[in-house]
Amino acid sequence: MWRVCIVAVLTAVAVGCGDAPPPEATNLPAGDAAAGREAFVALQCHACHDVEGESFPAPAIVPSIHLGGKRLLLPSTERLATDILLPSSHFAVGYPAQQIAESGRSRMPDYSKRLDKQTLANLAAYLRSKYQRGVPTGMK
């Protein structure tokens, strides 16, 4: 139980103290999760990410970076949009460093000039739909 409390506090602090989102990640239009799923496939995000409840082709990297599932705090649309636009702002925990970063920068492609606000909102809506509030597996 104490681990859950510590993780909750650290997560709350990290979320509250994060960098300001880029302007493109704020004031997004309403997103369409189905269109976001289509964009996820078109951008071949599944080459590196697996998504809770989806059966995309197997990612090319092992272990793949998992998106979705149970979280103590649900990611906001703004946070997900920021993660897409600024993937080097923080890195996934628990993955081999060479898998997620190269020379201190994320290996994720730069989408800041490739995505319009609607597509970004759609991607964020799709990803947000894959998270549920709850205790993540392995924390009980």
C-alpha atoms as a PDB file:
ATOM      1  CA  MET A   1       0.000   0.000   0.000  1.00  0.00           C
ATOM      2  CA  TRP A   2       2.818   2.429   0.811  1.00  0.00           C
ATOM      3  CA  ARG A   3       4.227   1.987  -2.706  1.00  0.00           C
ATOM      4  CA  VAL A   4       0.902   3.065  -4.204  1.00  0.00           C
ATOM      5  CA  CYS A   5       0.890   6.189  -2.013  1.00  0.00           C
ATOM      6  CA  ILE A   6       4.480   7.088  -2.898  1.00  0.00           C
ATOM      7  CA  VAL A   7       3.852   6.575  -6.621  1.00  0.00           C
ATOM      8  CA  ALA A   8       0.662   8.661  -6.438  1.00  0.00           C
ATOM      9  CA  VAL A   9       2.488  11.544  -4.747  1.00  0.00           C
ATOM     10  CA  LEU A  10       5.453  11.400  -7.131  1.00  0.00           C
ATOM     11  CA  THR A  11       3.132  11.227 -10.126  1.00  0.00           C
ATOM     12  CA  ALA A  12       1.117  14.205  -8.891  1.00  0.00           C
ATOM     13  CA  VAL A  13       4.302  16.204  -8.356  1.00  0.00           C
ATOM     14  CA  ALA A  14       5.663  15.280 -11.790  1.00  0.00           C
ATOM     15  CA  VAL A  15       2.405  16.162 -13.521  1.00  0.00           C
ATOM     16  CA  GLY A  16       2.137  19.460 -11.674  1.00  0.00           C
ATOM     17  CA  CYS A  17       5.755  20.466 -12.261  1.00  0.00           C
ATOM     18  CA  GLY A  18       6.122  19.520 -15.910  1.00  0.00           C
ATOM     19  CA  ASP A  19       7.211  21.891 -18.641  1.00  0.00           C
ATOM     20  CA  ALA A  20       4.589  24.157 -20.125  1.00  0.00           C
ATOM     21  CA  PRO A  21       2.954  22.565 -23.155  1.00  0.00           C
ATOM     22  CA  PRO A  22       3.759  24.015 -26.552  1.00  0.00           C
ATOM     23  CA  PRO A  23       1.077  26.364 -27.931  1.00  0.00           C
ATOM     24  CA  GLU A  24       0.087  23.731 -30.514  1.00  0.00           C
ATOM     25  CA  ALA A  25      -0.931  21.372 -27.702  1.00  0.00           C
ATOM     26  CA  THR A  26      -3.316  23.822 -26.066  1.00  0.00           C
ATOM     27  CA  ASN A  27      -6.797  24.944 -27.060  1.00  0.00           C
ATOM     28  CA  LEU A  28      -7.250  21.908 -29.269  1.00  0.00           C
ATOM     29  CA  PRO A  29     -10.548  21.317 -31.028  1.00  0.00           C
ATOM     30  CA  ALA A  30     -12.652  18.345 -29.940  1.00  0.00           C
ATOM     31  CA  GLY A  31     -10.908  15.163 -30.974  1.00  0.00           C
ATOM     32  CA  ASP A  32     -12.409  12.149 -32.730  1.00  0.00           C
ATOM     33  CA  ALA A  33     -10.974   8.898 -31.303  1.00  0.00           C
ATOM     34  CA  ALA A  34     -11.833   6.869 -34.446  1.00  0.00           C
ATOM     35  CA  ALA A  35     -10.029   9.391 -36.666  1.00  0.00           C
ATOM     36  CA  GLY A  36      -7.154   9.365 -34.166  1.00  0.00           C
ATOM     37  CA  ARG A  37      -6.867   5.587 -34.491  1.00  0.00           C
ATOM     38  CA  GLU A  38      -6.678   5.987 -38.270  1.00  0.00           C
ATOM     39  CA  ALA A  39      -3.931   8.617 -37.877  1.00  0.00           C
ATOM     40  CA  PHE A  40      -2.060   6.336 -35.436  1.00  0.00           C
ATOM     41  CA  VAL A  41      -2.031   3.625 -38.112  1.00  0.00           C
ATOM     42  CA  ALA A  42      -1.232   6.006 -40.995  1.00  0.00           C
ATOM     43  CA  LEU A  43       1.727   7.468 -39.074  1.00  0.00           C
ATOM     44  CA  GLN A  44       2.857   3.903 -38.266  1.00  0.00           C
ATOM     45  CA  CYS A  45       3.012   4.639 -34.552  1.00  0.00           C
ATOM     46  CA  HIS A  46       2.450   0.920 -33.992  1.00  0.00           C
ATOM     47  CA  ALA A  47       6.011   0.309 -35.237  1.00  0.00           C
ATOM     48  CA  CYS A  48       7.197   1.256 -31.726  1.00  0.00           C
ATOM     49  CA  HIS A  49       4.043   1.313 -29.590  1.00  0.00           C
ATOM     50  CA  ASP A  50       1.503  -1.294 -28.613  1.00  0.00           C
ATOM     51  CA  VAL A  51      -1.866  -0.039 -27.428  1.00  0.00           C
ATOM     52  CA  GLU A  52      -4.095  -1.488 -24.724  1.00  0.00           C
ATOM     53  CA  GLY A  53      -6.886  -3.534 -26.330  1.00  0.00           C
ATOM     54  CA  GLU A  54      -5.597  -3.238 -29.913  1.00  0.00           C
ATOM     55  CA  SER A  55      -4.135  -5.859 -32.233  1.00  0.00           C
ATOM     56  CA  PHE A  56      -1.915  -3.861 -34.579  1.00  0.00           C
ATOM     57  CA  PRO A  57       1.000  -5.558 -36.346  1.00  0.00           C
ATOM     58  CA  ALA A  58       3.755  -6.416 -33.883  1.00  0.00           C
ATOM     59  CA  PRO A  59       6.029  -3.449 -33.091  1.00  0.00           C
ATOM     60  CA  ALA A  60       9.516  -3.540 -34.575  1.00  0.00           C
ATOM     61  CA  ILE A  61      11.144  -2.769 -31.224  1.00  0.00           C
ATOM     62  CA  VAL A  62      11.215  -5.139 -28.279  1.00  0.00           C
ATOM     63  CA  PRO A  63       9.969  -4.467 -25.723  1.00  0.00           C
ATOM     64  CA  SER A  64       7.463  -2.142 -27.355  1.00  0.00           C
ATOM     65  CA  ILE A  65       6.419   1.031 -25.549  1.00  0.00           C
ATOM     66  CA  HIS A  66       2.977   0.355 -24.127  1.00  0.00           C
ATOM     67  CA  LEU A  67       0.229   2.969 -24.300  1.00  0.00           C
ATOM     68  CA  GLY A  68      -3.039   2.785 -22.407  1.00  0.00           C
ATOM     69  CA  GLY A  69      -4.161   0.674 -19.488  1.00  0.00           C
ATOM     70  CA  LYS A  70      -4.834   1.508 -15.863  1.00  0.00           C
ATOM     71  CA  ARG A  71      -3.264   4.609 -14.335  1.00  0.00           C
ATOM     72  CA  LEU A  72      -3.673   6.337 -11.002  1.00  0.00           C
ATOM     73  CA  LEU A  73      -4.011   9.644 -12.856  1.00  0.00           C
ATOM     74  CA  LEU A  74      -5.424   9.770 -16.361  1.00  0.00           C
ATOM     75  CA  PRO A  75      -3.323  11.705 -18.858  1.00  0.00           C
ATOM     76  CA  SER A  76      -4.975  14.887 -20.064  1.00  0.00           C
ATOM     77  CA  THR A  77      -5.514  15.595 -23.733  1.00  0.00           C
ATOM     78  CA  GLU A  78      -3.001  18.436 -23.391  1.00  0.00           C
ATOM     79  CA  ARG A  79      -0.381  16.113 -21.836  1.00  0.00           C
ATOM     80  CA  LEU A  80      -0.819  13.525 -24.594  1.00  0.00           C
ATOM     81  CA  ALA A  81      -0.572  16.215 -27.283  1.00  0.00           C
ATOM     82  CA  THR A  82       2.594  17.529 -25.621  1.00  0.00           C
ATOM     83  CA  ASP A  83       4.060  14.022 -25.516  1.00  0.00           C
ATOM     84  CA  ILE A  84       3.431  13.694 -29.262  1.00  0.00           C
ATOM     85  CA  LEU A  85       4.884  17.103 -30.131  1.00  0.00           C
ATOM     86  CA  LEU A  86       7.751  17.107 -27.605  1.00  0.00           C
ATOM     87  CA  PRO A  87       8.698  13.467 -27.052  1.00  0.00           C
ATOM     88  CA  SER A  88      12.071  14.483 -25.564  1.00  0.00           C
ATOM     89  CA  SER A  89      10.364  16.385 -22.722  1.00  0.00           C
ATOM     90  CA  HIS A  90      10.454  13.149 -20.709  1.00  0.00           C
ATOM     91  CA  PHE A  91      11.122   9.496 -21.388  1.00  0.00           C
ATOM     92  CA  ALA A  92       9.231   6.310 -20.658  1.00  0.00           C
ATOM     93  CA  VAL A  93      10.428   4.532 -17.527  1.00  0.00           C
ATOM     94  CA  GLY A  94      11.470   0.894 -17.525  1.00  0.00           C
ATOM     95  CA  TYR A  95      12.723   0.611 -21.116  1.00  0.00           C
ATOM     96  CA  PRO A  96      16.312   0.195 -22.330  1.00  0.00           C
ATOM     97  CA  ALA A  97      17.775   3.706 -22.823  1.00  0.00           C
ATOM     98  CA  GLN A  98      18.992   2.963 -26.359  1.00  0.00           C
ATOM     99  CA  GLN A  99      15.472   1.949 -27.312  1.00  0.00           C
ATOM    100  CA  ILE A 100      13.843   5.258 -26.444  1.00  0.00           C
ATOM    101  CA  ALA A 101      16.635   7.832 -26.754  1.00  0.00           C
ATOM    102  CA  GLU A 102      19.629   8.595 -28.897  1.00  0.00           C
ATOM    103  CA  SER A 103      22.115  11.331 -27.899  1.00  0.00           C
ATOM    104  CA  GLY A 104      19.684  12.504 -25.209  1.00  0.00           C
ATOM    105  CA  ARG A 105      16.801  12.990 -27.636  1.00  0.00           C
ATOM    106  CA  SER A 106      13.765  10.829 -28.185  1.00  0.00           C
ATOM    107  CA  ARG A 107      13.917   8.396 -31.074  1.00  0.00           C
ATOM    108  CA  MET A 108      10.310   9.297 -31.832  1.00  0.00           C
ATOM    109  CA  PRO A 109      10.040  11.309 -35.069  1.00  0.00           C
ATOM    110  CA  ASP A 110       9.345  15.044 -34.915  1.00  0.00           C
ATOM    111  CA  TYR A 111       5.664  15.554 -35.649  1.00  0.00           C
ATOM    112  CA  SER A 112       5.559  19.249 -34.718  1.00  0.00           C
ATOM    113  CA  LYS A 113       5.396  20.369 -38.341  1.00  0.00           C
ATOM    114  CA  ARG A 114       3.578  17.334 -39.738  1.00  0.00           C
ATOM    115  CA  LEU A 115       0.381  17.410 -37.690  1.00  0.00           C
ATOM    116  CA  ASP A 116      -2.374  19.974 -37.840  1.00  0.00           C
ATOM    117  CA  LYS A 117      -4.329  20.768 -34.667  1.00  0.00           C
ATOM    118  CA  GLN A 118      -7.264  18.547 -35.626  1.00  0.00           C
ATOM    119  CA  THR A 119      -5.094  15.484 -36.268  1.00  0.00           C
ATOM    120  CA  LEU A 120      -3.237  16.121 -33.012  1.00  0.00           C
ATOM    121  CA  ALA A 121      -6.558  16.401 -31.159  1.00  0.00           C
ATOM    122  CA  ASN A 122      -7.753  13.173 -32.792  1.00  0.00           C
ATOM    123  CA  LEU A 123      -4.584  11.293 -31.800  1.00  0.00           C
ATOM    124  CA  ALA A 124      -4.860  12.563 -28.228  1.00  0.00           C
ATOM    125  CA  ALA A 125      -8.551  11.579 -28.067  1.00  0.00           C
ATOM    126  CA  TYR A 126      -7.735   8.084 -29.334  1.00  0.00           C
ATOM    127  CA  LEU A 127      -4.904   7.563 -26.860  1.00  0.00           C
ATOM    128  CA  ARG A 128      -6.907   9.025 -23.967  1.00  0.00           C
ATOM    129  CA  SER A 129      -9.682   6.521 -24.715  1.00  0.00           C
ATOM    130  CA  LYS A 130      -7.209   3.703 -24.049  1.00  0.00           C
ATOM    131  CA  TYR A 131      -6.541   4.692 -20.421  1.00  0.00           C
ATOM    132  CA  GLN A 132      -8.716   3.822 -17.433  1.00  0.00           C
ATOM    133  CA  ARG A 133      -8.434   5.034 -13.858  1.00  0.00           C
ATOM    134  CA  GLY A 134      -7.170   2.297 -11.568  1.00  0.00           C
ATOM    135  CA  VAL A 135      -4.142   0.716  -9.982  1.00  0.00           C
ATOM    136  CA  PRO A 136      -1.623  -0.291 -12.661  1.00  0.00           C
ATOM    137  CA  THR A 137      -0.707  -3.957 -12.887  1.00  0.00           C
ATOM    138  CA  GLY A 138       2.198  -4.789 -10.606  1.00  0.00           C
ATOM    139  CA  MET A 139       1.474  -2.057  -8.040  1.00  0.00           C
ATOM    140  CA  LYS A 140      -0.913  -4.032  -5.833  1.00  0.00           C
END
